[in-house]
Protein backbone atom coordinates (compact mmCIF):
# COMPACT_ATOMS: atom_id res chain seq x y z
CA UNK A 1 28.97 53.15 183.14
CA UNK A 2 29.35 56.92 183.21
CA UNK A 3 26.12 58.77 182.45
CA UNK A 4 26.06 62.22 180.76
CA UNK A 5 25.09 63.75 184.04
CA UNK A 6 28.01 62.16 185.85
CA UNK A 7 30.46 63.38 183.17
CA UNK A 8 29.04 66.87 183.39
CA UNK A 9 29.33 66.88 187.18
CA UNK A 10 32.88 65.52 186.97
CA UNK A 11 33.86 68.37 184.55
CA UNK A 12 32.24 70.95 186.72
CA UNK A 13 33.95 69.63 189.98
CA UNK A 14 37.44 69.44 188.39
CA UNK A 15 37.00 72.90 186.70
CA UNK A 16 36.30 74.29 190.19
CA UNK A 17 39.67 72.97 191.39
CA UNK A 18 41.56 74.78 188.58
CA UNK A 19 39.32 77.77 187.82
CA UNK A 20 42.08 80.23 189.08
CA UNK A 21 44.46 78.71 186.54
CA UNK A 22 41.91 79.03 183.71
CA UNK A 23 41.17 82.79 184.63
CA UNK A 24 44.80 83.69 184.91
CA UNK A 25 45.45 82.12 181.51
CA UNK A 26 42.44 84.07 179.94
CA UNK A 27 43.90 87.34 181.27
CA UNK A 28 47.14 86.57 179.37
CA UNK A 29 45.29 85.81 176.16
CA UNK A 30 45.70 82.04 176.63
CA UNK A 31 42.53 79.93 176.01
CA UNK A 32 42.51 76.71 177.93
CA UNK A 33 38.77 76.17 177.46
CA UNK A 34 36.62 75.15 174.39
CA UNK A 35 38.06 76.84 171.28
CA UNK A 36 35.98 79.65 169.69
CA UNK A 37 36.60 82.56 167.38
CA UNK A 38 36.33 85.04 170.23
CA UNK A 39 38.59 83.20 172.62
CA UNK A 40 41.18 82.40 169.94
CA UNK A 41 41.30 86.13 169.12
CA UNK A 42 42.64 86.78 172.71
CA UNK A 43 46.07 85.73 171.32
CA UNK A 44 46.52 89.37 170.53
CA UNK A 45 46.78 90.05 174.22
CA UNK A 46 49.51 87.43 174.44
CA UNK A 47 51.41 89.09 171.61
CA UNK A 48 51.09 92.48 173.18
CA UNK A 49 52.42 91.38 176.48
CA UNK A 50 55.44 89.65 174.91
CA UNK A 51 56.27 92.91 172.93
CA UNK A 52 55.85 95.12 176.01
CA UNK A 53 57.94 92.80 178.16
CA UNK A 54 60.68 92.77 175.48
CA UNK A 55 60.71 96.66 175.53
CA UNK A 56 60.93 96.49 179.36
CA UNK A 57 64.45 94.96 179.01
CA UNK A 58 65.62 98.47 178.20
CA UNK A 59 64.23 99.68 181.51
CA UNK A 60 66.20 97.01 183.41
CA UNK A 61 69.40 97.99 181.47
CA UNK A 62 68.91 101.70 182.51
CA UNK A 63 68.20 100.63 186.12
CA UNK A 64 71.45 98.64 186.25
CA UNK A 65 73.58 101.36 184.61
CA UNK A 66 72.12 104.02 187.07
CA UNK A 67 72.90 101.90 190.18
CA UNK A 68 76.03 100.24 188.91
CA UNK A 69 77.63 100.51 192.27
CA UNK A 70 74.77 99.04 194.29
CA UNK A 71 75.11 95.32 194.05
CA UNK A 72 71.79 94.72 195.79
CA UNK A 73 69.84 96.67 193.20
CA UNK A 74 71.78 95.19 190.29
CA UNK A 75 71.12 91.69 191.55
CA UNK A 76 67.40 92.37 192.01
CA UNK A 77 67.11 93.93 188.52
CA UNK A 78 68.92 90.99 186.86
CA UNK A 79 66.76 88.51 188.73
CA UNK A 80 63.59 90.28 187.59
CA UNK A 81 64.88 90.45 184.06
CA UNK A 82 65.67 86.82 183.90
CA UNK A 83 62.30 85.96 185.32
CA UNK A 84 60.63 88.14 182.63
CA UNK A 85 62.71 86.32 179.95
CA UNK A 86 61.47 83.01 181.18
CA UNK A 87 57.87 84.06 181.01
CA UNK A 88 58.42 85.62 177.54
CA UNK A 89 59.68 82.27 176.25
CA UNK A 90 56.73 80.41 177.78
CA UNK A 91 54.17 82.99 176.34
CA UNK A 92 55.60 82.63 172.88
CA UNK A 93 55.48 78.96 173.18
CA UNK A 94 51.83 79.20 174.35
CA UNK A 95 50.97 80.83 171.01
CA UNK A 96 51.71 77.50 169.16
CA UNK A 97 50.68 74.78 171.61
CA UNK A 98 47.65 76.14 173.61
CA UNK A 99 45.22 74.04 171.46
CA UNK A 100 47.21 70.89 172.19
CA UNK A 101 47.32 71.75 175.85
CA UNK A 102 43.60 72.32 175.81
CA UNK A 103 43.03 68.81 174.52
CA UNK A 104 45.23 67.26 177.23
CA UNK A 105 43.68 69.43 179.92
CA UNK A 106 40.17 68.50 178.71
CA UNK A 107 40.99 64.77 178.84
CA UNK A 108 42.27 65.41 182.37
CA UNK A 109 39.14 67.28 183.57
CA UNK A 110 36.73 64.66 182.17
CA UNK A 111 38.81 61.52 183.05
CA UNK A 112 38.46 60.58 179.36
CA UNK A 113 41.07 57.90 179.35
CA UNK A 114 39.33 56.03 182.20
CA UNK A 115 35.88 56.55 180.71
CA UNK A 116 37.02 55.24 177.41
CA UNK A 117 38.06 51.93 178.83
CA UNK A 118 35.86 49.01 177.63
CA UNK A 119 35.47 47.92 181.22
CA UNK A 120 33.58 51.13 182.10
CA UNK A 121 32.09 52.15 178.75
CA UNK A 122 29.61 49.44 178.18
CA UNK A 123 30.12 46.61 180.67
CA UNK A 124 30.84 44.03 177.95
CA UNK A 125 34.03 42.71 179.46
CA UNK A 126 32.66 41.14 182.66
CA UNK A 127 29.36 40.61 184.26
CA UNK A 128 30.66 42.03 187.54
CA UNK A 129 30.05 45.57 186.35
CA UNK A 130 26.60 45.32 187.82
CA UNK A 131 27.77 43.65 190.98
CA UNK A 132 29.23 44.84 194.31
CA UNK A 133 32.82 44.51 192.90
CA UNK A 134 32.11 47.05 190.24
CA UNK A 135 30.76 49.51 192.77
CA UNK A 136 33.83 48.93 195.07
CA UNK A 137 36.24 49.37 192.14
CA UNK A 138 34.57 52.52 191.02
CA UNK A 139 34.72 53.98 194.58
CA UNK A 140 38.42 53.20 194.73
CA UNK A 141 38.99 54.85 191.36
CA UNK A 142 36.96 57.92 192.35
CA UNK A 143 38.82 58.23 195.65
CA UNK A 144 42.23 57.94 193.89
CA UNK A 145 41.40 60.62 191.26
CA UNK A 146 39.73 62.90 193.86
CA UNK A 147 42.84 62.71 196.16
CA UNK A 148 45.05 63.58 193.21
CA UNK A 149 42.83 66.48 192.10
CA UNK A 150 42.88 67.81 195.68
CA UNK A 151 46.68 67.73 195.51
CA UNK A 152 46.47 69.67 192.16
CA UNK A 153 44.50 72.39 193.86
CA UNK A 154 46.85 72.60 196.81
CA UNK A 155 49.89 72.96 194.59
CA UNK A 156 48.21 75.54 192.41
CA UNK A 157 47.03 77.66 195.39
CA UNK A 158 50.53 77.60 197.00
CA UNK A 159 52.09 78.71 193.73
CA UNK A 160 49.62 81.44 193.14
CA UNK A 161 49.93 82.72 196.73
CA UNK A 162 53.73 82.78 196.50
CA UNK A 163 53.66 84.91 193.27
CA UNK A 164 51.01 87.26 194.82
CA UNK A 165 52.93 87.84 197.96
CA UNK A 166 56.01 88.81 195.96
CA UNK A 167 54.01 91.25 193.79
CA UNK A 168 52.35 92.66 196.93
CA UNK A 169 55.71 93.10 198.57
CA UNK A 170 57.01 95.16 195.65
CA UNK A 171 53.92 97.26 195.37
CA UNK A 172 53.10 98.01 199.01
CA UNK A 173 56.81 98.59 199.99
CA UNK A 174 56.84 101.38 197.42
CA UNK A 175 53.36 102.67 198.50
CA UNK A 176 54.06 102.82 202.24
CA UNK A 177 57.62 104.19 201.78
CA UNK A 178 56.28 107.12 199.64
CA UNK A 179 53.46 107.76 202.08
CA UNK A 180 55.91 107.85 204.93
CA UNK A 181 58.18 110.46 203.35
CA UNK A 182 55.21 112.41 201.95
CA UNK A 183 53.67 112.83 205.50
CA UNK A 184 57.03 113.49 207.06
CA UNK A 185 57.91 116.06 204.38
CA UNK A 186 61.29 114.70 203.57
CA UNK A 187 63.20 117.31 201.45
CA UNK A 188 64.42 116.26 197.97
CA UNK A 189 62.87 112.85 198.31
CA UNK A 190 62.70 110.81 195.10
CA UNK A 191 59.48 108.80 195.10
CA UNK A 192 60.06 105.04 194.61
CA UNK A 193 58.02 103.91 191.63
CA UNK A 194 56.35 100.54 191.93
CA UNK A 195 57.40 99.67 188.37
CA UNK A 196 59.26 96.55 189.42
CA UNK A 197 55.81 95.23 190.37
CA UNK A 198 54.34 95.99 186.95
CA UNK A 199 56.24 93.36 185.06
CA UNK A 200 56.15 90.69 187.78
CA UNK A 201 52.41 91.03 187.76
CA UNK A 202 52.15 89.48 184.34
CA UNK A 203 55.37 87.47 184.41
CA UNK A 204 54.03 85.61 187.57
CA UNK A 205 50.81 85.01 185.74
CA UNK A 206 52.75 83.57 182.83
CA UNK A 207 54.56 81.26 185.19
CA UNK A 208 51.46 80.18 187.05
CA UNK A 209 49.68 79.53 183.73
CA UNK A 210 52.33 77.47 182.05
CA UNK A 211 53.57 75.65 185.12
CA UNK A 212 50.16 75.18 186.44
CA UNK A 213 49.03 73.25 183.37
CA UNK A 214 51.94 71.00 183.93
CA UNK A 215 50.90 70.35 187.46
CA UNK A 216 47.43 69.44 186.39
CA UNK A 217 48.61 67.08 183.63
CA UNK A 218 51.38 65.49 185.57
CA UNK A 219 49.44 64.78 188.81
CA UNK A 220 46.43 63.52 186.80
CA UNK A 221 48.91 61.18 185.04
CA UNK A 222 49.96 59.86 188.48
CA UNK A 223 46.33 59.21 189.27
CA UNK A 224 45.86 57.29 185.95
CA UNK A 225 48.79 54.98 186.74
CA UNK A 226 47.35 54.37 190.30
CA UNK A 227 44.05 53.43 188.75
CA UNK A 228 45.71 51.12 186.29
CA UNK A 229 47.59 49.31 189.03
CA UNK A 230 44.44 48.83 191.07
CA UNK A 231 42.62 47.36 188.07
CA UNK A 232 45.49 45.07 187.30
CA UNK A 233 45.37 43.79 190.82
CA UNK A 234 41.68 43.07 190.40
CA UNK A 235 42.26 40.87 187.24
CA UNK A 236 42.55 37.67 189.29
CA UNK A 237 40.00 38.65 191.84
CA UNK A 238 37.34 36.10 192.78
CA UNK A 239 34.85 38.69 191.72
CA UNK A 240 35.94 38.47 188.20
CA UNK A 241 34.59 35.35 186.47
CA UNK A 242 37.49 33.02 185.40
CA UNK A 243 36.22 32.88 181.84
CA UNK A 244 36.30 36.61 181.48
CA UNK A 245 39.74 37.34 183.00
CA UNK A 246 41.69 37.18 179.73
CA UNK A 247 39.30 39.77 178.23
CA UNK A 248 39.44 41.92 181.36
CA UNK A 249 43.24 41.84 181.25
CA UNK A 250 43.30 42.74 177.60
CA UNK A 251 41.24 45.91 178.50
CA UNK A 252 43.71 46.68 181.22
CA UNK A 253 46.41 46.42 178.56
CA UNK A 254 44.51 48.95 176.41
CA UNK A 255 44.14 51.25 179.36
CA UNK A 256 47.91 51.14 179.87
CA UNK A 257 48.52 52.00 176.22
CA UNK A 258 46.22 54.90 176.35
CA UNK A 259 47.75 56.09 179.62
CA UNK A 260 51.30 55.73 178.25
CA UNK A 261 50.43 57.80 175.12
CA UNK A 262 48.99 60.55 177.39
CA UNK A 263 52.24 60.60 179.34
CA UNK A 264 54.37 60.74 176.09
CA UNK A 265 52.22 63.76 175.00
CA UNK A 266 53.01 65.53 178.24
CA UNK A 267 56.72 64.79 177.86
CA UNK A 268 56.70 65.94 174.25
CA UNK A 269 54.95 69.24 175.16
CA UNK A 270 57.38 70.15 177.87
CA UNK A 271 60.61 68.31 176.75
CA UNK A 272 62.51 71.26 175.25
CA UNK A 273 60.74 74.47 176.47
CA UNK A 274 61.59 73.49 180.07
CA UNK A 275 65.31 73.69 179.42
CA UNK A 276 65.19 77.49 179.39
CA UNK A 277 63.18 77.46 182.64
CA UNK A 278 65.70 75.05 184.29
CA UNK A 279 68.86 76.98 183.26
CA UNK A 280 67.56 80.47 184.01
CA UNK A 281 65.99 79.34 187.31
CA UNK A 282 69.49 78.10 188.36
CA UNK A 283 70.88 81.57 187.64
CA UNK A 284 68.03 83.24 189.47
CA UNK A 285 68.49 80.96 192.50
CA UNK A 286 72.22 81.85 192.54
CA UNK A 287 71.51 85.65 192.37
CA UNK A 288 68.81 85.41 195.04
CA UNK A 289 71.12 83.57 197.46
CA UNK A 290 73.89 85.95 196.74
CA UNK A 291 71.52 88.98 197.39
CA UNK A 292 70.44 87.36 200.59
CA UNK A 293 74.02 87.09 201.70
CA UNK A 294 74.92 90.70 201.11
CA UNK A 295 71.65 92.02 202.31
CA UNK A 296 71.17 89.93 205.40
CA UNK A 297 72.80 92.31 207.93
CA UNK A 298 71.94 95.70 206.30
CA UNK A 299 68.43 95.19 205.07
CA UNK A 300 65.77 92.95 206.57
CA UNK A 301 63.34 93.81 203.91
CA UNK A 302 65.70 92.47 201.27
CA UNK A 303 65.99 89.23 203.31
CA UNK A 304 62.19 88.83 203.41
CA UNK A 305 61.87 89.72 199.71
CA UNK A 306 64.46 87.11 198.75
CA UNK A 307 62.85 84.39 200.94
CA UNK A 308 59.67 85.06 198.98
CA UNK A 309 61.51 84.91 195.66
CA UNK A 310 63.04 81.53 196.67
CA UNK A 311 59.61 80.16 197.52
CA UNK A 312 58.16 81.19 194.02
CA UNK A 313 61.12 81.04 191.61
CA UNK A 314 62.52 78.07 193.30
CA UNK A 315 59.19 76.32 193.42
CA UNK A 316 59.23 76.47 189.58
CA UNK A 317 61.95 73.93 189.44
CA UNK A 318 60.59 71.96 192.46
CA UNK A 319 57.20 71.37 190.87
CA UNK A 320 58.65 69.95 187.81
CA UNK A 321 61.14 67.71 189.45
CA UNK A 322 58.83 66.60 192.31
CA UNK A 323 55.80 65.83 190.15
CA UNK A 324 57.90 64.10 187.40
CA UNK A 325 59.60 61.98 190.12
CA UNK A 326 56.11 60.99 191.41
CA UNK A 327 55.19 59.93 187.87
CA UNK A 328 58.40 57.92 187.51
CA UNK A 329 57.85 56.25 190.86
CA UNK A 330 54.21 55.22 190.06
CA UNK A 331 55.22 53.98 186.64
CA UNK A 332 57.89 51.68 188.13
CA UNK A 333 55.11 49.90 190.05
CA UNK A 334 53.23 48.74 186.88
CA UNK A 335 55.33 45.59 186.15
CA UNK A 336 55.12 44.58 189.86
CA UNK A 337 51.31 44.97 189.64
CA UNK A 338 51.26 42.51 186.71
CA UNK A 339 53.63 40.06 188.57
CA UNK A 340 51.73 40.23 191.91
CA UNK A 341 48.37 39.15 190.61
CA UNK A 342 47.65 35.39 190.80
CA UNK A 343 48.69 34.71 187.27
CA UNK A 344 50.23 31.29 188.02
CA UNK A 345 46.73 29.75 188.51
CA UNK A 346 45.35 31.20 185.24
CA UNK A 347 45.19 29.98 181.64
CA UNK A 348 48.13 29.76 179.27
CA UNK A 349 46.92 32.82 177.42
CA UNK A 350 46.53 34.84 180.52
CA UNK A 351 50.11 33.96 181.54
CA UNK A 352 51.41 34.91 178.05
CA UNK A 353 49.80 38.31 178.38
CA UNK A 354 51.31 38.80 181.80
CA UNK A 355 54.77 37.90 180.60
CA UNK A 356 54.48 40.19 177.64
CA UNK A 357 53.36 43.11 179.85
CA UNK A 358 56.10 42.59 182.47
CA UNK A 359 58.69 42.86 179.61
CA UNK A 360 56.92 45.74 177.95
CA UNK A 361 56.44 47.90 181.23
CA UNK A 362 59.84 47.05 182.78
CA UNK A 363 61.38 50.35 181.66
CA UNK A 364 61.89 53.70 183.20
CA UNK A 365 59.68 56.52 182.20
CA UNK A 366 61.09 60.02 182.68
CA UNK A 367 60.05 63.51 181.52
CA UNK A 368 63.24 64.81 180.07
CA UNK A 369 64.79 68.23 180.09
CA UNK A 370 65.63 68.37 176.42
CA UNK A 371 68.62 66.06 175.85
CA UNK A 372 70.25 67.43 178.95
CA UNK A 373 68.90 65.47 181.82
CA UNK A 374 65.57 64.33 183.39
CA UNK A 375 63.04 66.02 185.70
CA UNK A 376 63.70 64.16 188.93
CA UNK A 377 64.74 64.49 192.52
CA UNK A 378 68.45 63.72 191.74
CA UNK A 379 68.35 66.62 189.21
CA UNK A 380 66.92 68.79 191.99
CA UNK A 381 69.80 67.76 194.26
CA UNK A 382 72.30 68.79 191.52
CA UNK A 383 70.77 72.28 191.67
CA UNK A 384 71.14 72.23 195.37
CA UNK A 385 74.92 71.37 195.12
CA UNK A 386 75.14 74.16 192.53
CA UNK A 387 73.81 76.59 195.06
CA UNK A 388 76.24 75.27 197.71
CA UNK A 389 79.23 76.03 195.41
CA UNK A 390 77.96 79.57 194.84
CA UNK A 391 77.86 80.12 198.55
C-alpha cells in the first residue's frame, strides 16, 4: 500500500518539520539520525558541555557572593544555575538513551506503525483496499497525521523562538549597555560581560533537544490513536465486506497493540528523568515570579526578561502536561470507538472481539512523573496553585 517512493517522500517531509530539532541536537553531540561511527563519536561534545557546565556552577557561586545584597541579581543567578542543572541532567541521560530515542523518532517520521498494519501492508485483509473506501480511508489518515505534524512544528518553533529571545536579551542588553557607556565615556565604568548568555546558549539547546523529542513522539502518538479510532469506526462500514470484518477487526486490534507498546516506550523513556525537570521548574517559576515582583517598579528590563523566562522555562512544564493530557484524552476514546460501531448486527466472533477490546482498553493511560504524579492538566493546575501561594 505504501511504495518505497511514498515512504521516502514521507520521511523527507516529516524531517523538514523537525530539521531544527535535529540540527540543534547535533550541535550538542546528540545523534538523532541514522547511527554511524562518526555521528556516535560526537558524544564527546556532549561530555565536554556537561563538564564545562558543571564548572560554571562556581561562577554562579562567585556571582551570588559578590552581589549578596542585590536580591534581583541573586534570583537571576539562581534561576540560571537551576536551568543549567536541568540541562546537565538531560544531557547525561542523552548519553545512554539517544539510540532508543532515535528508534522511536524514526518510527514516527516514517509512520512505521501504520505502515506495518496488515491492512495497509499487502491488502490481504479486505478487497476494499483497491476500492474508493481505501482511498478515502488513506486520505483521512494522511490528513490526521499531517495535522499532527503541523502541530509538532508549531510547538517546536515557538519553543525555539522563546529560548532564542531570552539568549538575545542577555547578549544584546550587555552589548548595547557597554556601547552606550563607551561612547559616553563614563568614568570608572565596569563593562557588563555577556557571560550569563554563554551558558543559556547551550542549556536552551539542551532543553529544546530533549523536550523537542518528547513533543514529536507524544503528538505523533496522539495521531496514531486518532487513526486507530477512525479505522475501528470503519470496521462495520458497508464498504467492508461482511465476511472480512472479523479479519479487519483483528488487524485493528494488532494496530492497537503496536500503538500501545509505542506509548509505553515513550512513558518508560521519560518517566523518571522528567521528575528533575518538574521539581526544578517549579522552583524556577517561583524565583521568576518573585523577581518580577521586586523588579516590577524599579526595572522594566527585568520585567521583560522575566516574562520571557516564564514563556520558555514555564513552557517546559506546559508542553509535558498539555501533550500528555491530549494523549490521555484520545486514549479514552478507544473503548467508545469499539462500542459505537454497529457490532450488534455482526457475527458472534465479531461481538466477542468487541467485548474483549472494550474491557481491555477501558483503562486510563497516563505518562507518569516517576512515582510522584502524572503529566496532566490537573498537575499543571497544582503548579499554578503553588505559584499563587508564593505570591
